[in-house]
Amino acid sequence: MKRISFAAIALIALLSTTLHAQETTPGQFIKRYWYQQGLEHGNPNFNQSIRVSSPDIMLHPLYGKRVEARGNGMIQVLAEEELDQIESAALYLELWGGHPGTAAKAMTVNGRSTYAIPEVGTAKGHCTYHYPLIPVEITDLVNGYNVFQFSCQAGFSFWGHFLMDNACLVLTLKGEHTDLVAAGLQGFEASVVATVQSADAIELQLALSEMHDAEIDYVEYYGYYEGFDENGNGLETDWHGYTKRKVPQHHLGRSDTAPFNVVWNTAMLKPQHGVKVKAEVHFKDRDRISYLTPETTGLKIPVRTDTRIDRFRSHDLPVPFWSRANKLNTCTIVADVVPGKIDKAELHILIWDGGEGGVKDHFKFNGVPLQLASGKSAHDVIYRIFELDPAWIRAGENTIELLSDTEHHGIEVLLPGPELVIKSTK
């Protein structure tokens, strides 16, 4: 397929069903500075993750002596940047919400300003994992080692505690940034052309102001739409996807070769308007620099003539929804479906995997065992999409069972809880 240029876009819009952005925001160059563990980076640590505890726990006769309590909740991120060349800044986190009931999570930047970390359910007793992007004032940063001190309060938890697997300082660059000039990227522009192929597929392709194929390493695409809240921020209609160990997960796709097109499979999404897409362009031999395209708006998932998509969530989630020490926990999903008309069924679920212990069938859907945990007790966030046999689906109540016999952590079902997505014949 040939490269699409800006000049061709207007013609394409007239001759096909291709939709292109009314550009709501300009493209932006960004740089990422990831937290690096180790004394050589100014970050000694007793744990693999960044641990934060409420102050009251330090004198607790049991928990205060745990190695997790030795973490001081402080990190340093080295960003050697002339701050007058920075347009905006934010800190991105891969954050386990911690022990249910933990409250008032916050961070202080270089001892200057304190910012609240968005609350997504932990303070109300739920199990959570999310990926906040917290804007910070440029005047709170320094050209050098930036110190982020995290804190929390116990709330009604037995131990006020949360952790972060990764942290990243994200800087938006001004157009005249010296690194852009040196890299020959000043004036670079790109956008996403989205072509609705059918109700089940949208083709995404990169449009460039000039032929820069040789300079581009790869392109990642992201979508704004209604669907399962896999990034745990409490929003179903939102930009979807997240990172795990710094690597993007469950976004729309990635292309490593020109013309950098991907096909977005929309087969299990409900018909909807207001869909948007954007891309992040990564360059060869350009340290840290990438380009975020403007949003392509005006897209939709059309109504299907012969099938329908329904989403069903549980309304009786245990608080918290976790299992350990042989405590069985259950919930139900009420599905308004005709079983004989089901063409495809998916169960979406997020967990924090502390292990199933010696339980053989630790997770069941309507009595059918499914392999939910990793089997490694890895203390790891896992997103599962199970394709279910339509014969397992019941009209009305569907039962989910969770059981772990581990002495300590066990398995947590994270918000938003399990969800059934069902495609049926009309």
Protein backbone atom coordinates (compact mmCIF):
# COMPACT_ATOMS: atom_id res chain seq x y z
CA MET A 1 0.00 0.00 0.00
CA LYS A 2 1.30 3.46 -0.88
CA ARG A 3 2.00 6.24 1.59
CA ILE A 4 -0.86 8.70 2.08
CA SER A 5 0.12 12.37 1.99
CA PHE A 6 -1.76 15.36 3.40
CA ALA A 7 -2.57 16.52 -0.12
CA ALA A 8 -4.43 13.30 -0.85
CA ILE A 9 -6.66 13.43 2.21
CA ALA A 10 -9.30 15.80 0.86
CA LEU A 11 -9.68 13.72 -2.30
CA ILE A 12 -10.00 10.52 -0.28
CA ALA A 13 -12.71 12.07 1.89
CA LEU A 14 -14.74 12.87 -1.20
CA LEU A 15 -14.32 9.52 -2.93
CA SER A 16 -14.69 7.04 -0.04
CA THR A 17 -16.03 6.47 3.47
CA THR A 18 -12.67 7.46 4.95
CA LEU A 19 -12.98 9.84 7.91
CA HIS A 20 -10.21 12.23 8.87
CA ALA A 21 -9.68 14.46 11.89
CA GLN A 22 -10.98 17.89 12.39
CA GLU A 23 -7.84 18.52 14.33
CA THR A 24 -8.93 19.39 17.87
CA THR A 25 -5.36 19.62 19.17
CA PRO A 26 -2.06 20.01 17.32
CA GLY A 27 0.49 17.24 17.19
CA GLN A 28 3.00 17.18 20.04
CA PHE A 29 6.54 15.97 20.58
CA ILE A 30 7.16 14.31 23.93
CA LYS A 31 10.08 12.85 25.87
CA ARG A 32 9.82 10.13 28.50
CA TYR A 33 12.09 9.70 31.50
CA TRP A 34 11.38 6.37 33.23
CA TYR A 35 12.21 5.68 36.86
CA GLN A 36 15.27 3.46 37.16
CA GLN A 37 15.83 1.36 40.24
CA GLY A 38 19.23 1.08 41.90
CA LEU A 39 21.63 3.13 43.98
CA GLU A 40 23.46 4.21 40.82
CA HIS A 41 20.25 6.02 39.78
CA GLY A 42 19.64 7.51 43.21
CA ASN A 43 16.98 4.91 43.96
CA PRO A 44 18.03 2.31 46.55
CA ASN A 45 15.11 0.01 47.33
CA PHE A 46 14.31 -2.96 49.52
CA ASN A 47 11.64 -4.21 47.11
CA GLN A 48 11.19 -4.74 43.39
CA SER A 49 8.37 -2.16 43.35
CA ILE A 50 8.04 1.32 44.81
CA ARG A 51 6.31 0.77 48.18
CA VAL A 52 4.30 3.38 50.09
CA SER A 53 2.90 2.88 53.61
CA SER A 54 0.81 5.01 55.94
CA PRO A 55 2.87 6.46 58.83
CA ASP A 56 0.94 4.65 61.58
CA ILE A 57 2.20 1.28 60.40
CA MET A 58 5.82 1.97 61.35
CA LEU A 59 5.11 1.09 65.01
CA HIS A 60 2.88 -1.89 64.30
CA PRO A 61 4.34 -4.96 66.06
CA LEU A 62 3.87 -7.17 62.97
CA TYR A 63 3.48 -5.15 59.78
CA GLY A 64 6.01 -2.51 60.81
CA LYS A 65 8.72 -5.16 60.71
CA ARG A 66 7.84 -6.39 57.20
CA VAL A 67 10.36 -5.57 54.48
CA GLU A 68 7.62 -3.76 52.51
CA ALA A 69 7.35 -1.22 55.33
CA ARG A 70 11.00 -0.25 54.87
CA GLY A 71 10.22 1.43 51.56
CA ASN A 72 10.21 5.22 52.01
CA GLY A 73 7.95 5.97 49.04
CA MET A 74 10.54 8.23 47.39
CA ILE A 75 11.95 8.07 43.87
CA GLN A 76 14.30 10.21 41.82
CA VAL A 77 13.97 10.68 38.07
CA LEU A 78 16.89 12.24 36.20
CA ALA A 79 15.71 14.66 33.49
CA GLU A 80 18.42 16.98 32.23
CA GLU A 81 16.22 19.48 30.42
CA GLU A 82 16.19 23.25 29.94
CA LEU A 83 12.76 23.84 31.47
CA ASP A 84 12.02 26.97 29.40
CA GLN A 85 11.85 24.60 26.39
CA ILE A 86 9.14 22.45 28.01
CA GLU A 87 5.47 23.07 27.22
CA SER A 88 3.96 20.84 29.94
CA ALA A 89 4.84 17.97 32.26
CA ALA A 90 3.11 15.02 33.92
CA LEU A 91 4.00 11.93 35.93
CA TYR A 92 2.66 8.59 34.68
CA LEU A 93 2.31 5.64 37.06
CA GLU A 94 1.66 1.91 36.88
CA LEU A 95 -0.12 1.80 40.24
CA TRP A 96 -1.57 -1.02 42.32
CA GLY A 97 -4.19 0.68 44.49
CA GLY A 98 -3.07 -1.30 47.49
CA HIS A 99 -4.83 -2.68 50.50
CA PRO A 100 -8.57 -1.97 50.26
CA GLY A 101 -9.46 1.04 52.36
CA THR A 102 -6.15 2.85 51.83
CA ALA A 103 -6.93 6.56 51.39
CA ALA A 104 -5.50 9.97 50.51
CA LYS A 105 -2.78 8.91 48.08
CA ALA A 106 -0.61 11.88 47.13
CA MET A 107 2.79 12.89 45.79
CA THR A 108 5.04 15.86 46.51
CA VAL A 109 7.41 17.09 43.79
CA ASN A 110 10.85 18.34 44.84
CA GLY A 111 9.39 19.48 48.17
CA ARG A 112 7.42 22.20 46.38
CA SER A 113 3.83 21.19 45.58
CA THR A 114 1.68 18.24 46.60
CA TYR A 115 -0.68 16.59 44.13
CA ALA A 116 -3.55 14.20 44.86
CA ILE A 117 -3.39 10.85 43.07
CA PRO A 118 -6.79 10.12 41.48
CA GLU A 119 -9.00 7.84 43.56
CA VAL A 120 -10.62 4.99 41.60
CA GLY A 121 -12.17 2.85 44.33
CA THR A 122 -9.51 1.70 46.81
CA ALA A 123 -10.65 4.14 49.50
CA LYS A 124 -14.14 2.58 49.28
CA GLY A 125 -12.76 -0.90 49.85
CA HIS A 126 -12.29 -2.20 46.29
CA CYS A 127 -9.25 -3.81 44.69
CA THR A 128 -7.79 -1.57 41.98
CA TYR A 129 -4.94 -1.08 39.52
CA HIS A 130 -4.74 2.03 37.32
CA TYR A 131 -2.40 4.23 35.31
CA PRO A 132 -2.82 7.88 36.28
CA LEU A 133 -1.15 10.67 34.31
CA ILE A 134 -0.80 13.49 36.83
CA PRO A 135 -0.02 16.97 35.43
CA VAL A 136 2.67 18.84 37.36
CA GLU A 137 3.73 22.47 37.18
CA ILE A 138 6.97 23.03 35.30
CA THR A 139 8.13 25.30 38.13
CA ASP A 140 8.02 22.28 40.47
CA LEU A 141 10.68 20.52 38.37
CA VAL A 142 14.44 20.95 38.20
CA ASN A 143 17.00 20.39 35.47
CA GLY A 144 18.50 17.27 37.03
CA TYR A 145 17.26 14.79 39.62
CA ASN A 146 13.55 15.28 40.32
CA VAL A 147 12.33 13.88 43.63
CA PHE A 148 8.82 12.45 43.94
CA GLN A 149 7.71 11.59 47.47
CA PHE A 150 4.54 9.50 47.76
CA SER A 151 2.26 9.17 50.77
CA CYS A 152 -1.07 7.71 51.89
CA GLN A 153 -3.29 7.33 54.94
CA ALA A 154 -4.63 4.14 56.49
CA GLY A 155 -8.31 4.97 55.89
CA PHE A 156 -10.15 1.90 57.17
CA SER A 157 -7.47 -0.50 55.89
CA PHE A 158 -5.63 -2.87 58.21
CA TRP A 159 -2.44 -1.41 56.69
CA GLY A 160 -2.44 1.71 54.55
CA HIS A 161 -0.29 0.62 51.64
CA PHE A 162 0.06 0.84 47.84
CA LEU A 163 2.79 0.34 45.29
CA MET A 164 3.96 1.41 41.86
CA ASP A 165 5.59 -0.95 39.39
CA ASN A 166 6.83 1.93 37.21
CA ALA A 167 6.87 5.70 37.04
CA CYS A 168 7.64 8.00 34.13
CA LEU A 169 8.11 11.74 33.81
CA VAL A 170 6.46 12.76 30.51
CA LEU A 171 7.50 16.12 29.03
CA THR A 172 5.78 17.88 26.13
CA LEU A 173 8.34 19.83 24.10
CA LYS A 174 8.03 23.30 22.63
CA GLY A 175 8.41 23.45 18.86
CA GLU A 176 11.80 25.18 19.06
CA HIS A 177 13.28 22.63 21.48
CA THR A 178 16.98 22.24 20.69
CA ASP A 179 16.68 18.43 20.48
CA LEU A 180 14.06 18.73 17.74
CA VAL A 181 16.25 21.11 15.79
CA ALA A 182 19.31 18.87 16.19
CA ALA A 183 17.32 15.79 15.13
CA GLY A 184 15.88 17.51 12.06
CA LEU A 185 12.32 17.00 13.37
CA GLN A 186 11.29 20.63 13.68
CA GLY A 187 8.19 21.04 11.55
CA PHE A 188 7.45 17.31 11.36
CA GLU A 189 3.70 16.60 11.10
CA ALA A 190 1.62 13.44 10.91
CA SER A 191 -2.00 12.41 11.41
CA VAL A 192 -4.14 9.28 11.30
CA VAL A 193 -6.46 8.42 8.43
CA ALA A 194 -9.18 6.00 9.53
CA THR A 195 -11.21 4.05 6.98
CA VAL A 196 -14.30 2.19 8.17
CA GLN A 197 -14.08 -1.09 6.26
CA SER A 198 -17.12 -2.67 7.92
CA ALA A 199 -18.96 -2.82 11.24
CA ASP A 200 -16.15 -5.10 12.41
CA ALA A 201 -13.01 -3.37 11.13
CA ILE A 202 -11.43 0.08 10.80
CA GLU A 203 -8.16 0.51 8.90
CA LEU A 204 -5.71 3.02 10.41
CA GLN A 205 -2.89 4.58 8.41
CA LEU A 206 -0.36 7.30 9.00
CA ALA A 207 -0.43 10.44 6.84
CA LEU A 208 2.82 12.42 6.70
CA SER A 209 3.54 15.99 5.71
CA GLU A 210 6.70 14.76 3.97
CA MET A 211 8.14 11.35 3.17
CA HIS A 212 9.82 10.47 6.49
CA ASP A 213 9.50 6.67 6.24
CA ALA A 214 13.22 6.10 6.69
CA GLU A 215 13.24 8.07 9.95
CA ILE A 216 10.30 6.25 11.58
CA ASP A 217 10.99 3.16 13.66
CA TYR A 218 7.40 2.14 14.48
CA VAL A 219 3.92 3.53 15.08
CA GLU A 220 1.43 2.68 17.85
CA TYR A 221 -2.30 3.42 17.57
CA TYR A 222 -4.73 4.25 20.37
CA GLY A 223 -8.53 4.46 20.45
CA TYR A 224 -11.18 6.39 22.34
CA TYR A 225 -14.38 4.38 22.53
CA GLU A 226 -16.88 2.68 24.84
CA GLY A 227 -15.66 -0.70 26.06
CA PHE A 228 -14.37 -2.69 29.01
CA ASP A 229 -12.37 -0.48 31.39
CA GLU A 230 -9.13 -2.44 31.18
CA ASN A 231 -7.01 0.44 32.52
CA GLY A 232 -9.07 0.68 35.69
CA ASN A 233 -9.66 4.44 35.80
CA GLY A 234 -13.42 4.10 36.20
CA LEU A 235 -14.25 5.24 32.66
CA GLU A 236 -15.74 2.99 29.99
CA THR A 237 -15.77 5.67 27.28
CA ASP A 238 -12.15 6.72 27.32
CA TRP A 239 -8.74 6.29 25.71
CA HIS A 240 -8.04 2.57 26.09
CA GLY A 241 -4.80 0.72 26.74
CA TYR A 242 -2.07 0.84 29.36
CA THR A 243 1.55 -0.18 29.89
CA LYS A 244 2.95 -3.23 31.63
CA ARG A 245 6.64 -3.12 32.51
CA LYS A 246 6.71 0.04 30.36
CA VAL A 247 5.37 -1.78 27.26
CA PRO A 248 1.99 -0.71 25.77
CA GLN A 249 -0.77 -3.30 26.13
CA HIS A 250 -4.27 -3.63 24.64
CA HIS A 251 -4.01 -0.58 22.41
CA LEU A 252 -5.26 -0.72 18.81
CA GLY A 253 -2.08 -2.03 17.28
CA ARG A 254 1.50 -1.42 16.22
CA SER A 255 3.20 -1.33 12.84
CA ASP A 256 6.94 -1.55 12.30
CA THR A 257 7.03 -1.10 8.53
CA ALA A 258 5.86 1.59 6.11
CA PRO A 259 3.14 2.56 5.35
CA PHE A 260 2.47 1.81 9.05
CA ASN A 261 -1.13 0.69 8.72
CA VAL A 262 -3.08 -1.60 11.07
CA VAL A 263 -6.61 -2.97 11.07
CA TRP A 264 -8.57 -2.34 14.27
CA ASN A 265 -10.90 -5.26 15.01
CA THR A 266 -14.18 -3.76 16.29
CA ALA A 267 -16.24 -6.96 16.04
CA MET A 268 -17.08 -7.09 19.76
CA LEU A 269 -17.76 -3.37 20.28
CA LYS A 270 -21.26 -1.94 20.54
CA PRO A 271 -22.46 0.50 17.87
CA GLN A 272 -21.42 3.98 18.96
CA HIS A 273 -20.58 7.52 17.88
CA GLY A 274 -17.80 9.78 19.11
CA VAL A 275 -15.00 7.32 18.42
CA LYS A 276 -11.51 8.83 18.11
CA VAL A 277 -8.04 7.54 17.27
CA LYS A 278 -4.50 8.85 17.49
CA ALA A 279 -0.99 7.53 17.00
CA GLU A 280 2.40 7.79 18.62
CA VAL A 281 5.27 7.89 16.14
CA HIS A 282 8.64 6.57 17.34
CA PHE A 283 11.80 7.55 15.49
CA LYS A 284 15.03 5.71 14.77
CA ASP A 285 18.07 6.90 16.73
CA ARG A 286 16.11 9.68 18.46
CA ASP A 287 16.71 9.26 22.16
CA ARG A 288 13.41 9.41 24.06
CA ILE A 289 11.61 11.59 21.48
CA SER A 290 8.27 10.57 19.99
CA TYR A 291 5.40 12.39 18.28
CA LEU A 292 1.72 12.28 19.26
CA THR A 293 -0.59 12.94 16.32
CA PRO A 294 -3.75 15.06 16.56
CA GLU A 295 -6.90 13.13 17.37
CA THR A 296 -8.86 11.83 14.42
CA THR A 297 -12.50 12.41 15.33
CA GLY A 298 -15.94 11.79 13.84
CA LEU A 299 -15.64 8.01 13.71
CA LYS A 300 -18.36 5.53 14.63
CA ILE A 301 -18.99 1.83 15.03
CA PRO A 302 -22.04 1.33 12.77
CA VAL A 303 -25.17 -0.64 13.62
CA ARG A 304 -25.00 -4.22 12.36
CA THR A 305 -27.94 -5.46 10.32
CA ASP A 306 -27.98 -9.06 11.52
CA THR A 307 -26.22 -9.15 14.92
CA ARG A 308 -26.13 -7.18 18.16
CA ILE A 309 -23.53 -6.66 20.90
CA ASP A 310 -24.49 -6.52 24.59
CA ARG A 311 -22.35 -5.85 27.65
CA PHE A 312 -23.31 -7.19 31.09
CA ARG A 313 -21.55 -6.36 34.37
CA SER A 314 -21.97 -7.66 37.88
CA HIS A 315 -23.96 -5.53 40.34
CA ASP A 316 -23.20 -7.59 43.44
CA LEU A 317 -19.39 -7.45 43.58
CA PRO A 318 -17.98 -8.39 47.00
CA VAL A 319 -16.11 -5.49 48.64
CA PRO A 320 -13.28 -6.32 48.37
CA PHE A 321 -13.48 -9.08 45.76
CA TRP A 322 -10.57 -11.27 46.77
CA SER A 323 -9.90 -14.76 48.03
CA ARG A 324 -7.25 -16.22 50.34
CA ALA A 325 -7.12 -18.80 53.14
CA ASN A 326 -9.89 -20.90 51.53
CA LYS A 327 -12.46 -18.09 51.61
CA LEU A 328 -14.83 -18.56 48.66
CA ASN A 329 -16.06 -15.34 47.04
CA THR A 330 -18.75 -15.10 44.38
CA CYS A 331 -20.66 -12.65 42.22
CA THR A 332 -23.34 -12.89 39.56
CA ILE A 333 -23.84 -11.36 36.12
CA VAL A 334 -27.44 -11.06 34.94
CA ALA A 335 -27.53 -11.50 31.14
CA ASP A 336 -30.65 -10.57 29.18
CA VAL A 337 -30.01 -12.91 26.25
CA VAL A 338 -31.61 -15.75 24.31
CA PRO A 339 -29.06 -18.61 24.68
CA GLY A 340 -29.90 -20.17 21.31
CA LYS A 341 -29.07 -16.93 19.50
CA ILE A 342 -25.59 -16.39 21.00
CA ASP A 343 -22.87 -16.38 18.32
CA LYS A 344 -19.89 -15.45 20.50
CA ALA A 345 -19.32 -14.72 24.19
CA GLU A 346 -16.35 -13.21 25.99
CA LEU A 347 -15.62 -12.81 29.70
CA HIS A 348 -13.34 -9.86 30.52
CA ILE A 349 -11.66 -9.74 33.91
CA LEU A 350 -8.71 -8.01 35.61
CA ILE A 351 -6.89 -9.53 38.57
CA TRP A 352 -3.96 -8.86 40.86
CA ASP A 353 -2.43 -12.31 40.98
CA GLY A 354 -1.20 -13.37 44.41
CA GLY A 355 -1.64 -17.02 43.56
CA GLU A 356 -4.27 -19.73 43.87
CA GLY A 357 -2.18 -21.89 46.17
CA GLY A 358 -3.12 -25.55 46.04
CA VAL A 359 -6.66 -25.05 44.73
CA LYS A 360 -7.18 -27.02 41.52
CA ASP A 361 -10.16 -25.11 40.12
CA HIS A 362 -9.67 -21.63 41.58
CA PHE A 363 -12.00 -19.79 39.19
CA LYS A 364 -15.31 -20.97 37.75
CA PHE A 365 -17.93 -19.55 35.43
CA ASN A 366 -21.28 -21.30 35.92
CA GLY A 367 -19.33 -24.22 37.37
CA VAL A 368 -16.87 -24.42 34.45
CA PRO A 369 -13.23 -24.00 35.61
CA LEU A 370 -11.11 -21.38 33.81
CA GLN A 371 -7.38 -20.75 34.27
CA LEU A 372 -7.40 -17.24 35.69
CA ALA A 373 -4.20 -17.01 37.74
CA SER A 374 -0.73 -17.38 36.25
CA GLY A 375 0.30 -20.25 38.52
CA LYS A 376 3.39 -18.29 39.57
CA SER A 377 2.12 -16.23 42.56
CA ALA A 378 3.77 -13.36 40.75
CA HIS A 379 1.97 -10.41 42.43
CA ASP A 380 1.21 -9.18 38.94
CA VAL A 381 -1.70 -7.46 37.20
CA ILE A 382 -3.32 -9.73 34.58
CA TYR A 383 -6.06 -8.95 32.03
CA ARG A 384 -7.86 -12.03 30.76
CA ILE A 385 -10.34 -12.30 27.88
CA PHE A 386 -11.91 -15.75 27.93
CA GLU A 387 -13.88 -16.89 24.90
CA LEU A 388 -16.77 -18.84 26.40
CA ASP A 389 -18.77 -21.65 24.86
CA PRO A 390 -22.22 -20.13 24.18
CA ALA A 391 -23.72 -23.23 25.82
CA TRP A 392 -22.27 -22.05 29.16
CA ILE A 393 -24.28 -18.80 29.11
CA ARG A 394 -27.56 -18.70 31.02
CA ALA A 395 -30.43 -16.30 30.45
CA GLY A 396 -30.58 -14.48 33.79
CA GLU A 397 -28.04 -15.14 36.54
CA ASN A 398 -24.54 -16.36 35.69
CA THR A 399 -22.34 -17.24 38.68
CA ILE A 400 -18.64 -16.53 39.13
CA GLU A 401 -16.64 -18.26 41.89
CA LEU A 402 -13.15 -17.37 43.16
CA LEU A 403 -11.15 -19.49 45.63
CA SER A 404 -7.54 -19.39 46.82
CA ASP A 405 -5.98 -21.16 49.80
CA THR A 406 -2.78 -19.08 50.01
CA GLU A 407 -1.89 -17.94 53.50
CA HIS A 408 -1.22 -14.37 52.49
CA HIS A 409 -2.23 -12.39 49.42
CA GLY A 410 -4.32 -14.67 47.19
CA ILE A 411 -6.21 -13.41 44.12
CA GLU A 412 -7.87 -9.99 43.80
CA VAL A 413 -10.52 -9.24 41.18
CA LEU A 414 -9.87 -5.62 40.26
CA LEU A 415 -12.42 -3.00 39.33
CA PRO A 416 -14.48 -2.81 37.16
CA GLY A 417 -15.09 -6.48 37.97
CA PRO A 418 -15.95 -9.22 35.46
CA GLU A 419 -17.96 -8.38 32.34
CA LEU A 420 -19.74 -10.48 29.73
CA VAL A 421 -19.65 -9.27 26.12
CA ILE A 422 -22.09 -11.20 23.93
CA LYS A 423 -22.71 -11.15 20.18
CA SER A 424 -26.16 -12.49 19.28
CA THR A 425 -28.21 -12.96 16.14
CA LYS A 426 -31.05 -10.46 15.96
